Amino acid sequence: MSTQRALRVSQSIKRELSDMIRRDLQDERISGLVSITDVECTQDCRSARVFISIFGDEEVRAKTMEALNAKVGFIRGELCRRLGLRFAPELHLKLDDSLERGSKVTDLLGKISRGEV
C-alpha cells in the first residue's frame, strides 16, 4: 500500500469527521469546542487513530468522548459513504490535550515575562 494513499485518506477523514461533528451528530452530550487535531491511518487504511481536542472542563470532555464513542458505528458508515471507501477504517478515538497544555505553557511564559512568578 502507498503511504501517500494513507496520508490522503487521513486528511479526508479529518475533514469529513470535523464536518460530521459540526453538522450531523445531534447529541446534547457533545458540547464545548470539539476539533479533530490529527488522524493517523495505517498503511492499509483499515485502522485510524483520531485525536480529538475538546475545550471545556473534565466533565464536558468525558461526556463528549462518551457520546462520540457511542456514535462510532454511525461515523464509520458515514465516512465509508462520503469517501467512497470499500472498507470503513476501525476508528480509535483519543483525547488530545496538547492544545490545552500549550495554552498553560503560554500563560506561564506570560506570567514569567511580567515578573509574576
Protein backbone atom coordinates (compact mmCIF):
# COMPACT_ATOMS: atom_id res chain seq x y z
CA MET A 1 0.00 0.00 0.00
CA SER A 2 1.09 3.51 -0.67
CA THR A 3 1.96 5.78 2.20
CA GLN A 4 0.64 8.66 0.10
CA ARG A 5 -2.78 6.99 -0.04
CA ALA A 6 -2.82 6.60 3.74
CA LEU A 7 -1.98 10.30 4.11
CA ARG A 8 -4.75 11.31 1.68
CA VAL A 9 -7.27 9.09 3.46
CA SER A 10 -6.17 10.52 6.84
CA GLN A 11 -6.67 14.08 5.61
CA SER A 12 -10.06 13.19 4.13
CA ILE A 13 -11.19 11.52 7.35
CA LYS A 14 -10.11 14.58 9.34
CA ARG A 15 -12.05 16.92 7.05
CA GLU A 16 -15.21 14.79 6.88
CA LEU A 17 -15.23 13.94 10.58
CA SER A 18 -14.90 17.62 11.51
CA ASP A 19 -17.84 18.39 9.23
CA MET A 20 -19.85 15.50 10.66
CA ILE A 21 -19.34 16.61 14.27
CA ARG A 22 -20.31 20.16 13.39
CA ARG A 23 -23.40 19.32 11.32
CA ASP A 24 -24.65 15.75 11.60
CA LEU A 25 -24.11 14.46 15.13
CA GLN A 26 -27.07 15.69 17.11
CA ASP A 27 -26.33 14.76 20.70
CA GLU A 28 -26.71 17.02 23.73
CA ARG A 29 -23.65 15.39 25.31
CA ILE A 30 -21.42 16.78 22.55
CA SER A 31 -20.71 20.26 23.83
CA GLY A 32 -17.81 22.61 24.09
CA LEU A 33 -15.44 23.27 21.25
CA VAL A 34 -14.62 19.95 19.59
CA SER A 35 -11.87 19.78 16.98
CA ILE A 36 -10.05 16.97 15.23
CA THR A 37 -6.35 17.67 15.68
CA ASP A 38 -4.93 14.71 13.75
CA VAL A 39 -5.78 11.41 12.10
CA GLU A 40 -3.23 8.64 11.62
CA CYS A 41 -4.21 5.79 9.29
CA THR A 42 -2.37 2.52 9.00
CA GLN A 43 -0.88 1.85 5.56
CA ASP A 44 -3.74 -0.47 4.62
CA CYS A 45 -6.30 2.14 5.81
CA ARG A 46 -8.10 -0.47 7.93
CA SER A 47 -7.47 1.36 11.20
CA ALA A 48 -7.21 5.02 12.14
CA ARG A 49 -6.33 6.85 15.33
CA VAL A 50 -8.34 10.05 15.64
CA PHE A 51 -7.00 12.69 18.03
CA ILE A 52 -9.74 14.93 19.39
CA SER A 53 -9.33 18.18 21.30
CA ILE A 54 -12.23 19.30 23.48
CA PHE A 55 -12.24 22.65 25.23
CA GLY A 56 -14.18 22.57 28.47
CA ASP A 57 -13.90 21.12 31.94
CA GLU A 58 -13.22 17.47 32.67
CA GLU A 59 -16.93 16.60 32.84
CA VAL A 60 -17.61 18.11 29.41
CA ARG A 61 -14.65 16.20 27.94
CA ALA A 62 -15.80 12.90 29.44
CA LYS A 63 -19.40 13.31 28.23
CA THR A 64 -18.31 14.36 24.75
CA MET A 65 -15.90 11.43 24.39
CA GLU A 66 -18.60 9.06 25.66
CA ALA A 67 -21.05 10.39 23.06
CA LEU A 68 -18.51 10.17 20.24
CA ASN A 69 -17.55 6.61 21.19
CA ALA A 70 -21.25 5.67 21.25
CA LYS A 71 -21.66 7.01 17.71
CA VAL A 72 -18.51 5.46 16.23
CA GLY A 73 -20.53 2.92 14.21
CA PHE A 74 -22.58 5.68 12.56
CA ILE A 75 -19.40 7.70 11.96
CA ARG A 76 -17.66 4.75 10.27
CA GLY A 77 -20.62 4.16 7.97
CA GLU A 78 -20.84 7.83 7.03
CA LEU A 79 -17.11 8.03 6.35
CA CYS A 80 -17.32 4.99 4.11
CA ARG A 81 -20.23 6.52 2.20
CA ARG A 82 -18.78 10.03 1.93
CA LEU A 83 -15.26 8.97 0.96
CA GLY A 84 -16.23 6.06 -1.27
CA LEU A 85 -14.09 3.61 0.67
CA ARG A 86 -14.59 -0.13 0.28
CA PHE A 87 -13.83 -0.72 3.95
CA ALA A 88 -14.57 1.71 6.76
CA PRO A 89 -11.48 2.05 8.94
CA GLU A 90 -11.70 0.97 12.56
CA LEU A 91 -11.68 4.26 14.48
CA HIS A 92 -9.78 4.64 17.74
CA LEU A 93 -10.76 7.96 19.34
CA LYS A 94 -8.10 9.51 21.56
CA LEU A 95 -8.43 12.65 23.67
CA ASP A 96 -5.71 15.11 22.67
CA ASP A 97 -4.91 17.63 25.40
CA SER A 98 -1.81 19.08 23.72
CA LEU A 99 -3.60 22.36 22.86
CA GLU A 100 -4.64 22.81 26.49
CA ARG A 101 -1.12 22.05 27.72
CA GLY A 102 0.26 24.53 25.17
CA SER A 103 -2.13 27.18 26.45
CA LYS A 104 -0.94 26.60 30.03
CA VAL A 105 2.69 26.93 28.94
CA THR A 106 1.89 30.18 27.11
CA ASP A 107 0.14 31.55 30.21
CA LEU A 108 3.10 30.57 32.38
CA LEU A 109 5.56 32.25 29.99
CA GLY A 110 3.41 35.39 30.07
CA LYS A 111 3.50 35.42 33.87
CA ILE A 112 7.26 34.96 33.85
CA SER A 113 7.75 37.85 31.42
CA ARG A 114 5.58 40.09 33.62
CA GLY A 115 7.52 39.03 36.72
CA GLU A 116 4.54 37.39 38.46
CA VAL A 117 6.32 34.08 39.06
